[in-house]
Protein backbone atom coordinates (compact mmCIF):
# COMPACT_ATOMS: atom_id res chain seq x y z
CA MET A 1 -72.12 46.52 -16.74
CA LEU A 2 -70.09 43.68 -18.22
CA LEU A 3 -66.30 43.77 -18.19
CA ASP A 4 -64.01 42.25 -20.79
CA SER A 5 -60.75 40.85 -19.40
CA LEU A 6 -58.94 42.12 -22.51
CA LEU A 7 -59.87 45.66 -21.48
CA LYS A 8 -58.39 45.37 -17.98
CA LEU A 9 -55.24 47.48 -17.79
CA SER A 10 -54.32 46.77 -14.15
CA ASP A 11 -55.48 44.14 -11.70
CA ALA A 12 -54.74 45.17 -8.10
CA GLN A 13 -51.42 46.53 -9.37
CA ALA A 14 -49.18 47.69 -6.52
CA VAL A 15 -47.86 51.21 -7.14
CA THR A 16 -45.21 52.87 -4.96
CA ALA A 17 -43.51 55.04 -7.59
CA THR A 18 -44.54 56.32 -11.01
CA ALA A 19 -45.45 53.29 -13.14
CA VAL A 20 -47.44 52.24 -16.19
CA SER A 21 -50.24 49.69 -16.27
CA THR A 22 -49.21 46.04 -16.41
CA ASN A 23 -51.47 45.47 -19.42
CA VAL A 24 -52.02 47.48 -22.60
CA ILE A 25 -54.58 47.45 -25.39
CA ASP A 26 -53.06 46.86 -28.81
CA LEU A 27 -54.97 49.30 -31.01
CA SER A 28 -53.74 47.54 -34.15
CA GLN A 29 -55.87 44.55 -33.08
CA SER A 30 -58.81 46.54 -31.61
CA ARG A 31 -58.94 49.28 -34.19
CA ASP A 32 -62.35 50.86 -33.78
CA ILE A 33 -62.39 51.21 -30.01
CA GLY A 34 -64.89 53.87 -29.03
CA VAL A 35 -65.93 55.02 -32.49
CA GLY A 36 -68.92 57.31 -32.11
CA GLU A 37 -69.22 57.13 -28.33
CA ASP A 38 -67.42 58.13 -25.18
CA ILE A 39 -65.13 55.55 -23.61
CA TYR A 40 -64.27 55.58 -19.92
CA VAL A 41 -61.20 54.44 -18.06
CA ASN A 42 -62.36 53.43 -14.57
CA ILE A 43 -59.84 53.16 -11.75
CA GLY A 44 -60.58 51.45 -8.46
CA VAL A 45 -58.48 51.64 -5.32
CA ASP A 46 -57.77 48.13 -4.02
CA THR A 47 -55.25 49.05 -1.30
CA SER A 48 -55.33 52.44 0.41
CA VAL A 49 -52.50 54.77 -0.54
CA THR A 50 -50.07 55.49 2.26
CA ALA A 51 -46.84 57.52 2.31
CA ALA A 52 -44.56 59.21 4.78
CA GLY A 53 -45.30 62.61 3.22
CA ALA A 54 -48.18 64.32 1.48
CA ALA A 55 -48.20 62.06 -1.59
CA THR A 56 -50.47 62.41 -4.60
CA VAL A 57 -51.26 60.24 -7.61
CA THR A 58 -52.23 61.50 -11.06
CA PHE A 59 -53.93 58.99 -13.35
CA GLU A 60 -53.07 59.46 -17.04
CA VAL A 61 -54.53 57.62 -20.03
CA VAL A 62 -51.65 57.27 -22.47
CA THR A 63 -50.71 55.86 -25.86
CA SER A 64 -47.31 54.85 -27.15
CA SER A 65 -45.66 53.17 -30.11
CA ASP A 66 -43.99 50.87 -27.54
CA SER A 67 -45.88 48.13 -25.66
CA GLY A 68 -44.00 49.15 -22.49
CA LEU A 69 -45.56 52.62 -22.88
CA ALA A 70 -42.14 54.30 -23.13
CA SER A 71 -42.33 57.99 -24.11
CA PRO A 72 -46.13 58.03 -23.87
CA ASN A 73 -48.53 60.56 -25.33
CA VAL A 74 -50.98 61.69 -22.60
CA LEU A 75 -54.56 61.66 -23.90
CA VAL A 76 -56.28 62.78 -20.71
CA ALA A 77 -55.38 62.96 -17.03
CA THR A 78 -56.92 63.57 -13.64
CA GLY A 79 -55.49 66.25 -11.44
CA ALA A 80 -53.20 65.21 -8.60
CA ILE A 81 -55.31 63.30 -6.07
CA GLY A 82 -54.12 63.31 -2.45
CA LYS A 83 -53.47 60.12 -0.52
CA ALA A 84 -56.32 60.86 1.91
CA GLU A 85 -58.79 60.51 -0.99
CA LEU A 86 -57.30 57.25 -2.29
CA THR A 87 -58.74 54.79 0.18
CA ALA A 88 -59.63 51.17 -0.54
CA GLY A 89 -63.22 50.71 -1.69
CA ARG A 90 -63.86 54.34 -2.59
CA ALA A 91 -66.02 55.10 -5.61
CA PRO A 92 -64.03 54.46 -8.78
CA ILE A 93 -62.34 57.33 -10.56
CA SER A 94 -63.70 57.62 -14.12
CA VAL A 95 -61.84 59.42 -16.89
CA CYS A 96 -63.73 60.10 -20.12
CA LEU A 97 -62.15 59.66 -23.56
CA PRO A 98 -64.46 61.44 -26.02
CA PRO A 99 -64.26 60.42 -29.72
CA SER A 100 -62.35 63.64 -30.51
CA VAL A 101 -59.39 62.24 -28.55
CA TYR A 102 -59.04 59.37 -31.03
CA ALA A 103 -59.19 61.72 -34.01
CA ALA A 104 -56.21 63.63 -32.57
CA LEU A 105 -54.00 60.56 -31.99
CA PRO A 106 -50.56 60.94 -33.51
CA THR A 107 -49.56 58.35 -36.13
CA GLY A 108 -47.89 55.26 -34.70
CA GLN A 109 -49.52 55.29 -31.27
CA ARG A 110 -50.33 51.57 -31.23
CA TYR A 111 -50.74 50.84 -27.51
CA LEU A 112 -53.20 52.28 -24.97
CA GLY A 113 -52.62 52.11 -21.23
CA VAL A 114 -52.51 54.06 -17.99
CA ARG A 115 -49.64 55.78 -16.20
CA TYR A 116 -49.78 56.24 -12.43
CA THR A 117 -47.72 59.35 -11.67
CA VAL A 118 -46.73 59.61 -8.01
CA GLY A 119 -46.04 63.10 -6.70
CA THR A 120 -44.16 63.76 -3.46
CA GLY A 121 -43.54 60.05 -3.14
CA PRO A 122 -42.68 57.36 -2.79
CA LEU A 123 -45.81 55.59 -1.63
CA THR A 124 -45.45 52.93 1.04
CA ALA A 125 -48.64 51.19 -0.16
CA GLY A 126 -51.29 51.50 -2.84
CA ALA A 127 -52.85 49.23 -5.45
CA PHE A 128 -55.20 49.96 -8.34
CA THR A 129 -57.45 48.07 -10.74
CA CYS A 130 -58.13 49.81 -14.03
CA TYR A 131 -60.33 48.87 -16.96
CA VAL A 132 -61.81 50.40 -20.09
CA SER A 133 -65.59 50.47 -20.51
CA ASN A 134 -68.32 52.34 -22.36
CA THR A 135 -69.88 53.11 -18.97
CA GLU A 136 -68.84 55.68 -16.40
CA VAL A 137 -68.85 54.20 -12.91
CA HIS A 138 -70.32 56.49 -10.25
CA GLY A 139 -69.96 54.22 -7.27
CA GLY A 140 -72.01 51.52 -5.76
CA LYS A 141 -71.79 48.55 -3.52
CA TYR A 142 -68.97 46.09 -4.04
CA TYR A 143 -68.94 42.47 -2.99
CA ALA A 144 -66.17 39.93 -2.75
CA SER A 145 -66.00 37.54 -5.67
CA GLY A 146 -67.36 34.03 -5.25
CA PHE A 147 -70.63 34.92 -3.50
CA ASN A 148 -73.74 32.80 -4.14
CA VAL A 149 -77.02 34.06 -5.50
CA LEU A 150 -80.00 32.17 -4.13
């Protein structure tokens, strides 16, 4: 699978309270994203989630008329995932956006991003990388960047 840096919504983004992705996709520039096929938002855990209490994180794919994703429209969301399941290096969480989701977009929803909703927080640690792809990620072996292939 090849990744496009313009489709990366978060890059090891630290999350301790509810927050939106640091990057968004401007749908006015990338108009036909996902036409005719499923699109996946894949979320990796870079830093294990920790909290004093029984914290959870819900991952929501959202659109908004504002590039800061204010007052977002939730397209699809995971359920609340407990901190014990959000450990660094775990298999990525994949959320599917079927084409029917795009057909139902309200007018004026120009920006696409992700909202990390923290329940029973705050978190004391946690970081996520999130990107959009036409491939669902089921897991696999991950290597540090900069390795040499002989």
